[in-house]
Amino acid sequence: MIPDWISLRPEPETNWSQCLQVLEGYSSGVNSVAFSHDSTLVASGSYDRAVRVWCFDTGECVQELQGHGHWVNSVAFSHDSALVASTSYDRTVRVWRCDTGECVQEENIGAVFASLSFKPDGLRLLTSLGAIALPKLPFVGHTAAHQISAPPVGAELRNDPRVGYGFSRDRSWITWYGQDLLWLPVGFRPGISAISGCMVVIGCPSGRIIFIRFNTEVVNRCLGLGGSH
């Protein structure tokens, strides 16, 4: 018999949970999570407007990134895990350094979208409205190996960060470097979309799926840009 003055040891669990970590710190719902490409970090975005970066092994929050004016709806890491990007219902995209928490680029896109990822070279963000150039980024990690060229004429004239094919803010036009290219009737405007090079896929609320492939040389001649990007 164990005396009353001896504390009983805790009973071990009979069925161990598969949960490795519980990451706590948000005051409201989480909208998006993403692994870094080396699987050491996890990023999350929430209704409380914050982006947090967590260490997967310890569950520690290593960065709390504040600056968005509305809910954060998507997060993504660069391929070298040095940067994390976030998009929000405030219609902006922000890019942050994981080591310092500094916001190194902010772009006002003027639209809300959920799809967000870095190109492997770290020079563009891919979204459902088109790719976004990242010419303002400091050289971080493997990104230092790349040189960022000046924006093409179309983007420079329109002061638009998007490059290549995309959609206008109201999704009524397919664009090329921010310039209106192909007007879409109401029934053909995207509820969801994807872009790969010169190919565009539109998922319409009506149930239609539309595939479009552009000839970039012809597009440049039509818009008077000359050459190809």
C-alpha atoms as a PDB file:
ATOM      1  CA  MET A   1       0.000   0.000   0.000  1.00  0.00           C
ATOM      2  CA  ILE A   2       1.340   3.446  -0.966  1.00  0.00           C
ATOM      3  CA  PRO A   3       1.279   6.023   1.896  1.00  0.00           C
ATOM      4  CA  ASP A   4      -0.901   9.146   1.428  1.00  0.00           C
ATOM      5  CA  TRP A   5       2.132  11.449   1.553  1.00  0.00           C
ATOM      6  CA  ILE A   6       3.626   9.908  -1.591  1.00  0.00           C
ATOM      7  CA  SER A   7       2.348  11.413  -4.820  1.00  0.00           C
ATOM      8  CA  LEU A   8       1.142   8.903  -7.358  1.00  0.00           C
ATOM      9  CA  ARG A   9       2.905   8.823 -10.698  1.00  0.00           C
ATOM     10  CA  PRO A  10       0.757   9.781 -13.715  1.00  0.00           C
ATOM     11  CA  GLU A  11      -0.738   6.862 -15.548  1.00  0.00           C
ATOM     12  CA  PRO A  12       0.679   6.360 -19.049  1.00  0.00           C
ATOM     13  CA  GLU A  13      -1.611   6.557 -22.041  1.00  0.00           C
ATOM     14  CA  THR A  14      -2.826   3.186 -23.273  1.00  0.00           C
ATOM     15  CA  ASN A  15      -3.467   4.489 -26.816  1.00  0.00           C
ATOM     16  CA  TRP A  16      -0.909   6.999 -28.107  1.00  0.00           C
ATOM     17  CA  SER A  17      -2.165   9.739 -30.453  1.00  0.00           C
ATOM     18  CA  GLN A  18      -0.626  10.224 -33.893  1.00  0.00           C
ATOM     19  CA  CYS A  19      -0.560  13.998 -33.248  1.00  0.00           C
ATOM     20  CA  LEU A  20       3.066  15.211 -33.105  1.00  0.00           C
ATOM     21  CA  GLN A  21       2.515  18.889 -32.301  1.00  0.00           C
ATOM     22  CA  VAL A  22      -0.343  21.214 -31.393  1.00  0.00           C
ATOM     23  CA  LEU A  23       0.541  24.747 -32.489  1.00  0.00           C
ATOM     24  CA  GLU A  24      -1.297  27.292 -30.381  1.00  0.00           C
ATOM     25  CA  GLY A  25      -1.365  31.064 -30.574  1.00  0.00           C
ATOM     26  CA  TYR A  26      -4.250  32.110 -32.793  1.00  0.00           C
ATOM     27  CA  SER A  27      -7.341  33.811 -31.442  1.00  0.00           C
ATOM     28  CA  SER A  28      -9.474  32.908 -34.469  1.00  0.00           C
ATOM     29  CA  GLY A  29      -9.738  30.397 -37.309  1.00  0.00           C
ATOM     30  CA  VAL A  30      -6.790  29.366 -39.492  1.00  0.00           C
ATOM     31  CA  ASN A  31      -7.366  29.734 -43.241  1.00  0.00           C
ATOM     32  CA  SER A  32      -4.137  28.401 -44.727  1.00  0.00           C
ATOM     33  CA  VAL A  33      -1.079  26.308 -43.818  1.00  0.00           C
ATOM     34  CA  ALA A  34       2.022  25.380 -45.832  1.00  0.00           C
ATOM     35  CA  PHE A  35       5.267  23.452 -45.313  1.00  0.00           C
ATOM     36  CA  SER A  36       8.623  24.921 -46.265  1.00  0.00           C
ATOM     37  CA  HIS A  37      10.285  22.867 -48.988  1.00  0.00           C
ATOM     38  CA  ASP A  38      12.857  21.475 -46.534  1.00  0.00           C
ATOM     39  CA  SER A  39       9.976  20.514 -44.180  1.00  0.00           C
ATOM     40  CA  THR A  40      11.553  22.324 -41.197  1.00  0.00           C
ATOM     41  CA  LEU A  41       9.037  25.184 -41.038  1.00  0.00           C
ATOM     42  CA  VAL A  42       5.275  25.577 -41.239  1.00  0.00           C
ATOM     43  CA  ALA A  43       3.528  28.845 -42.149  1.00  0.00           C
ATOM     44  CA  SER A  44      -0.074  29.628 -41.267  1.00  0.00           C
ATOM     45  CA  GLY A  45      -2.498  32.462 -41.967  1.00  0.00           C
ATOM     46  CA  SER A  46      -5.615  33.367 -40.023  1.00  0.00           C
ATOM     47  CA  TYR A  47      -8.683  35.524 -39.602  1.00  0.00           C
ATOM     48  CA  ASP A  48      -6.698  37.518 -37.013  1.00  0.00           C
ATOM     49  CA  ARG A  49      -4.665  39.007 -39.949  1.00  0.00           C
ATOM     50  CA  ALA A  50      -1.373  37.475 -38.797  1.00  0.00           C
ATOM     51  CA  VAL A  51       1.020  35.113 -40.539  1.00  0.00           C
ATOM     52  CA  ARG A  52       2.973  32.842 -38.228  1.00  0.00           C
ATOM     53  CA  VAL A  53       6.036  30.719 -38.949  1.00  0.00           C
ATOM     54  CA  TRP A  54       6.537  27.637 -36.759  1.00  0.00           C
ATOM     55  CA  CYS A  55       9.429  25.242 -36.194  1.00  0.00           C
ATOM     56  CA  PHE A  56       8.068  21.801 -37.044  1.00  0.00           C
ATOM     57  CA  ASP A  57      10.356  19.877 -34.652  1.00  0.00           C
ATOM     58  CA  THR A  58       9.625  21.948 -31.525  1.00  0.00           C
ATOM     59  CA  GLY A  59       6.249  23.566 -32.297  1.00  0.00           C
ATOM     60  CA  GLU A  60       7.760  26.971 -31.413  1.00  0.00           C
ATOM     61  CA  CYS A  61       6.414  30.069 -33.173  1.00  0.00           C
ATOM     62  CA  VAL A  62       9.595  31.642 -34.573  1.00  0.00           C
ATOM     63  CA  GLN A  63       7.984  34.593 -36.379  1.00  0.00           C
ATOM     64  CA  GLU A  64       4.694  36.463 -36.104  1.00  0.00           C
ATOM     65  CA  LEU A  65       4.224  38.574 -39.216  1.00  0.00           C
ATOM     66  CA  GLN A  66       1.869  41.525 -38.833  1.00  0.00           C
ATOM     67  CA  GLY A  67       0.834  43.996 -41.513  1.00  0.00           C
ATOM     68  CA  HIS A  68      -2.180  42.731 -43.440  1.00  0.00           C
ATOM     69  CA  GLY A  69      -5.333  44.794 -43.011  1.00  0.00           C
ATOM     70  CA  HIS A  70      -7.746  41.881 -43.358  1.00  0.00           C
ATOM     71  CA  TRP A  71      -7.939  38.066 -43.125  1.00  0.00           C
ATOM     72  CA  VAL A  72      -4.967  36.127 -44.463  1.00  0.00           C
ATOM     73  CA  ASN A  73      -6.258  33.508 -46.892  1.00  0.00           C
ATOM     74  CA  SER A  74      -3.123  31.899 -48.376  1.00  0.00           C
ATOM     75  CA  VAL A  75       0.569  31.363 -47.533  1.00  0.00           C
ATOM     76  CA  ALA A  76       3.486  29.811 -49.440  1.00  0.00           C
ATOM     77  CA  PHE A  77       7.258  29.344 -49.007  1.00  0.00           C
ATOM     78  CA  SER A  78       9.964  30.032 -51.569  1.00  0.00           C
ATOM     79  CA  HIS A  79      11.857  26.947 -52.728  1.00  0.00           C
ATOM     80  CA  ASP A  80      14.930  27.859 -50.647  1.00  0.00           C
ATOM     81  CA  SER A  81      12.685  28.296 -47.543  1.00  0.00           C
ATOM     82  CA  ALA A  82      14.109  31.795 -47.024  1.00  0.00           C
ATOM     83  CA  LEU A  83      10.883  33.669 -47.856  1.00  0.00           C
ATOM     84  CA  VAL A  84       7.194  33.268 -47.141  1.00  0.00           C
ATOM     85  CA  ALA A  85       4.458  34.960 -49.161  1.00  0.00           C
ATOM     86  CA  SER A  86       0.929  35.739 -48.018  1.00  0.00           C
ATOM     87  CA  THR A  87      -2.221  37.059 -49.619  1.00  0.00           C
ATOM     88  CA  SER A  88      -5.174  38.615 -47.856  1.00  0.00           C
ATOM     89  CA  TYR A  89      -8.693  39.919 -48.220  1.00  0.00           C
ATOM     90  CA  ASP A  90      -7.083  43.371 -48.062  1.00  0.00           C
ATOM     91  CA  ARG A  91      -6.238  42.612 -51.748  1.00  0.00           C
ATOM     92  CA  THR A  92      -2.474  42.723 -51.224  1.00  0.00           C
ATOM     93  CA  VAL A  93       0.338  40.214 -51.489  1.00  0.00           C
ATOM     94  CA  ARG A  94       3.237  40.442 -49.033  1.00  0.00           C
ATOM     95  CA  VAL A  95       6.612  38.697 -49.092  1.00  0.00           C
ATOM     96  CA  TRP A  96       8.488  38.253 -45.794  1.00  0.00           C
ATOM     97  CA  ARG A  97      11.946  37.114 -44.749  1.00  0.00           C
ATOM     98  CA  CYS A  98      11.698  34.028 -42.541  1.00  0.00           C
ATOM     99  CA  ASP A  99      14.878  34.827 -40.597  1.00  0.00           C
ATOM    100  CA  THR A 100      14.049  38.437 -39.646  1.00  0.00           C
ATOM    101  CA  GLY A 101      10.280  38.722 -40.181  1.00  0.00           C
ATOM    102  CA  GLU A 102      10.827  41.779 -42.403  1.00  0.00           C
ATOM    103  CA  CYS A 103       8.249  42.490 -45.118  1.00  0.00           C
ATOM    104  CA  VAL A 104      10.458  42.933 -48.179  1.00  0.00           C
ATOM    105  CA  GLN A 105       7.757  43.470 -50.813  1.00  0.00           C
ATOM    106  CA  GLU A 106       4.093  44.444 -50.850  1.00  0.00           C
ATOM    107  CA  GLU A 107       1.942  44.563 -53.964  1.00  0.00           C
ATOM    108  CA  ASN A 108      -1.629  45.841 -54.187  1.00  0.00           C
ATOM    109  CA  ILE A 109      -3.257  43.411 -56.606  1.00  0.00           C
ATOM    110  CA  GLY A 110      -6.762  44.817 -56.211  1.00  0.00           C
ATOM    111  CA  ALA A 111      -8.381  41.377 -56.067  1.00  0.00           C
ATOM    112  CA  VAL A 112      -8.733  38.420 -53.709  1.00  0.00           C
ATOM    113  CA  PHE A 113      -7.424  34.985 -54.688  1.00  0.00           C
ATOM    114  CA  ALA A 114      -6.457  31.829 -52.811  1.00  0.00           C
ATOM    115  CA  SER A 115      -3.903  30.201 -55.122  1.00  0.00           C
ATOM    116  CA  LEU A 116      -0.322  31.214 -54.250  1.00  0.00           C
ATOM    117  CA  SER A 117       3.087  29.632 -54.931  1.00  0.00           C
ATOM    118  CA  PHE A 118       6.665  30.627 -55.795  1.00  0.00           C
ATOM    119  CA  LYS A 119       8.322  29.742 -59.066  1.00  0.00           C
ATOM    120  CA  PRO A 120      11.473  27.671 -58.420  1.00  0.00           C
ATOM    121  CA  ASP A 121      13.744  30.587 -59.412  1.00  0.00           C
ATOM    122  CA  GLY A 122      12.195  32.743 -56.665  1.00  0.00           C
ATOM    123  CA  LEU A 123      11.600  35.652 -59.047  1.00  0.00           C
ATOM    124  CA  ARG A 124       7.823  35.298 -59.459  1.00  0.00           C
ATOM    125  CA  LEU A 125       4.760  34.366 -57.477  1.00  0.00           C
ATOM    126  CA  LEU A 126       2.151  32.265 -59.261  1.00  0.00           C
ATOM    127  CA  THR A 127      -1.512  33.067 -58.593  1.00  0.00           C
ATOM    128  CA  SER A 128      -4.855  32.267 -60.194  1.00  0.00           C
ATOM    129  CA  LEU A 129      -4.849  35.823 -61.628  1.00  0.00           C
ATOM    130  CA  GLY A 130      -1.402  35.493 -63.172  1.00  0.00           C
ATOM    131  CA  ALA A 131       2.253  35.642 -62.144  1.00  0.00           C
ATOM    132  CA  ILE A 132       3.577  38.512 -60.017  1.00  0.00           C
ATOM    133  CA  ALA A 133       7.131  39.802 -60.520  1.00  0.00           C
ATOM    134  CA  LEU A 134       9.327  40.162 -57.438  1.00  0.00           C
ATOM    135  CA  PRO A 135      11.965  42.699 -58.586  1.00  0.00           C
ATOM    136  CA  LYS A 136      12.227  44.402 -55.176  1.00  0.00           C
ATOM    137  CA  LEU A 137      13.401  41.343 -53.256  1.00  0.00           C
ATOM    138  CA  PRO A 138      16.785  41.441 -51.522  1.00  0.00           C
ATOM    139  CA  PHE A 139      19.049  38.532 -52.352  1.00  0.00           C
ATOM    140  CA  VAL A 140      18.262  35.854 -49.766  1.00  0.00           C
ATOM    141  CA  GLY A 141      19.551  32.287 -49.769  1.00  0.00           C
ATOM    142  CA  HIS A 142      19.686  30.699 -53.235  1.00  0.00           C
ATOM    143  CA  THR A 143      17.860  33.699 -54.709  1.00  0.00           C
ATOM    144  CA  ALA A 144      21.236  35.500 -54.732  1.00  0.00           C
ATOM    145  CA  ALA A 145      22.291  33.345 -57.672  1.00  0.00           C
ATOM    146  CA  HIS A 146      19.728  35.029 -59.922  1.00  0.00           C
ATOM    147  CA  GLN A 147      19.692  38.485 -61.420  1.00  0.00           C
ATOM    148  CA  ILE A 148      16.298  40.128 -61.829  1.00  0.00           C
ATOM    149  CA  SER A 149      15.823  41.895 -65.153  1.00  0.00           C
ATOM    150  CA  ALA A 150      13.921  45.140 -65.599  1.00  0.00           C
ATOM    151  CA  PRO A 151      10.156  44.777 -66.093  1.00  0.00           C
ATOM    152  CA  PRO A 152       8.921  44.600 -69.698  1.00  0.00           C
ATOM    153  CA  VAL A 153       7.411  47.619 -71.395  1.00  0.00           C
ATOM    154  CA  GLY A 154       3.796  46.578 -70.817  1.00  0.00           C
ATOM    155  CA  ALA A 155       4.156  46.202 -67.055  1.00  0.00           C
ATOM    156  CA  GLU A 156       6.214  49.387 -66.787  1.00  0.00           C
ATOM    157  CA  LEU A 157       3.596  51.491 -68.599  1.00  0.00           C
ATOM    158  CA  ARG A 158       0.726  50.108 -66.526  1.00  0.00           C
ATOM    159  CA  ASN A 159       2.678  50.046 -63.240  1.00  0.00           C
ATOM    160  CA  ASP A 160       1.330  46.528 -62.813  1.00  0.00           C
ATOM    161  CA  PRO A 161       3.390  43.882 -60.969  1.00  0.00           C
ATOM    162  CA  ARG A 162       1.870  41.005 -62.951  1.00  0.00           C
ATOM    163  CA  VAL A 163       3.894  39.381 -65.720  1.00  0.00           C
ATOM    164  CA  GLY A 164       2.801  37.139 -68.567  1.00  0.00           C
ATOM    165  CA  TYR A 165      -0.840  36.147 -68.976  1.00  0.00           C
ATOM    166  CA  GLY A 166      -3.352  36.874 -66.238  1.00  0.00           C
ATOM    167  CA  PHE A 167      -6.770  38.328 -65.452  1.00  0.00           C
ATOM    168  CA  SER A 168      -7.927  41.863 -64.793  1.00  0.00           C
ATOM    169  CA  ARG A 169      -9.063  42.734 -61.287  1.00  0.00           C
ATOM    170  CA  ASP A 170     -12.735  42.260 -62.166  1.00  0.00           C
ATOM    171  CA  ARG A 171     -11.887  39.086 -64.140  1.00  0.00           C
ATOM    172  CA  SER A 172     -13.563  40.467 -67.263  1.00  0.00           C
ATOM    173  CA  TRP A 173     -10.333  40.492 -69.324  1.00  0.00           C
ATOM    174  CA  ILE A 174      -7.452  38.129 -69.935  1.00  0.00           C
ATOM    175  CA  THR A 175      -4.361  40.313 -69.761  1.00  0.00           C
ATOM    176  CA  TRP A 176      -0.772  40.234 -71.007  1.00  0.00           C
ATOM    177  CA  TYR A 177       1.696  42.009 -68.720  1.00  0.00           C
ATOM    178  CA  GLY A 178      -1.197  43.976 -67.234  1.00  0.00           C
ATOM    179  CA  GLN A 179      -2.662  45.086 -70.582  1.00  0.00           C
ATOM    180  CA  ASP A 180      -6.189  44.053 -71.583  1.00  0.00           C
ATOM    181  CA  LEU A 181      -5.978  41.351 -74.235  1.00  0.00           C
ATOM    182  CA  LEU A 182      -9.199  39.302 -74.526  1.00  0.00           C
ATOM    183  CA  TRP A 183     -12.582  40.405 -73.168  1.00  0.00           C
ATOM    184  CA  LEU A 184     -14.653  37.665 -71.546  1.00  0.00           C
ATOM    185  CA  PRO A 185     -18.478  37.698 -71.693  1.00  0.00           C
ATOM    186  CA  VAL A 186     -20.144  37.328 -68.304  1.00  0.00           C
ATOM    187  CA  GLY A 187     -20.839  33.607 -68.719  1.00  0.00           C
ATOM    188  CA  PHE A 188     -17.166  32.912 -69.518  1.00  0.00           C
ATOM    189  CA  ARG A 189     -15.545  34.737 -66.604  1.00  0.00           C
ATOM    190  CA  PRO A 190     -13.633  32.584 -64.142  1.00  0.00           C
ATOM    191  CA  GLY A 191     -14.957  31.385 -60.852  1.00  0.00           C
ATOM    192  CA  ILE A 192     -11.570  29.707 -60.617  1.00  0.00           C
ATOM    193  CA  SER A 193      -8.627  29.695 -62.996  1.00  0.00           C
ATOM    194  CA  ALA A 194      -5.104  28.439 -63.637  1.00  0.00           C
ATOM    195  CA  ILE A 195      -2.303  29.727 -65.857  1.00  0.00           C
ATOM    196  CA  SER A 196       0.758  27.912 -67.185  1.00  0.00           C
ATOM    197  CA  GLY A 197       2.941  29.808 -69.638  1.00  0.00           C
ATOM    198  CA  CYS A 198       0.767  30.710 -72.626  1.00  0.00           C
ATOM    199  CA  MET A 199      -2.102  28.421 -71.561  1.00  0.00           C
ATOM    200  CA  VAL A 200      -5.128  29.535 -69.544  1.00  0.00           C
ATOM    201  CA  VAL A 201      -7.830  27.358 -67.993  1.00  0.00           C
ATOM    202  CA  ILE A 202     -11.103  28.922 -66.817  1.00  0.00           C
ATOM    203  CA  GLY A 203     -13.593  27.184 -64.570  1.00  0.00           C
ATOM    204  CA  CYS A 204     -16.940  28.959 -64.973  1.00  0.00           C
ATOM    205  CA  PRO A 205     -19.780  29.039 -62.414  1.00  0.00           C
ATOM    206  CA  SER A 206     -22.017  27.580 -65.162  1.00  0.00           C
ATOM    207  CA  GLY A 207     -19.998  24.353 -65.158  1.00  0.00           C
ATOM    208  CA  ARG A 208     -18.012  25.087 -68.324  1.00  0.00           C
ATOM    209  CA  ILE A 209     -14.241  24.554 -68.385  1.00  0.00           C
ATOM    210  CA  ILE A 210     -12.507  26.626 -71.059  1.00  0.00           C
ATOM    211  CA  PHE A 211      -8.984  25.995 -72.377  1.00  0.00           C
ATOM    212  CA  ILE A 212      -7.157  28.817 -74.215  1.00  0.00           C
ATOM    213  CA  ARG A 213      -3.662  28.767 -75.722  1.00  0.00           C
ATOM    214  CA  PHE A 214      -2.125  32.065 -76.912  1.00  0.00           C
ATOM    215  CA  ASN A 215       0.534  32.690 -79.550  1.00  0.00           C
ATOM    216  CA  THR A 216       2.815  35.108 -77.702  1.00  0.00           C
ATOM    217  CA  GLU A 217       4.487  36.518 -80.829  1.00  0.00           C
ATOM    218  CA  VAL A 218       1.085  37.421 -82.288  1.00  0.00           C
ATOM    219  CA  VAL A 219      -0.016  38.915 -78.951  1.00  0.00           C
ATOM    220  CA  ASN A 220       3.070  41.163 -78.806  1.00  0.00           C
ATOM    221  CA  ARG A 221       2.462  42.417 -82.346  1.00  0.00           C
ATOM    222  CA  CYS A 222      -1.216  43.119 -81.606  1.00  0.00           C
ATOM    223  CA  LEU A 223      -0.379  45.124 -78.471  1.00  0.00           C
ATOM    224  CA  GLY A 224       2.550  46.876 -80.127  1.00  0.00           C
ATOM    225  CA  LEU A 225       5.122  45.629 -77.620  1.00  0.00           C
ATOM    226  CA  GLY A 226       7.515  44.052 -80.084  1.00  0.00           C
ATOM    227  CA  GLY A 227       9.694  41.054 -79.356  1.00  0.00           C
ATOM    228  CA  SER A 228       8.749  38.337 -76.881  1.00  0.00           C
ATOM    229  CA  HIS A 229       9.031  38.115 -73.089  1.00  0.00           C
END
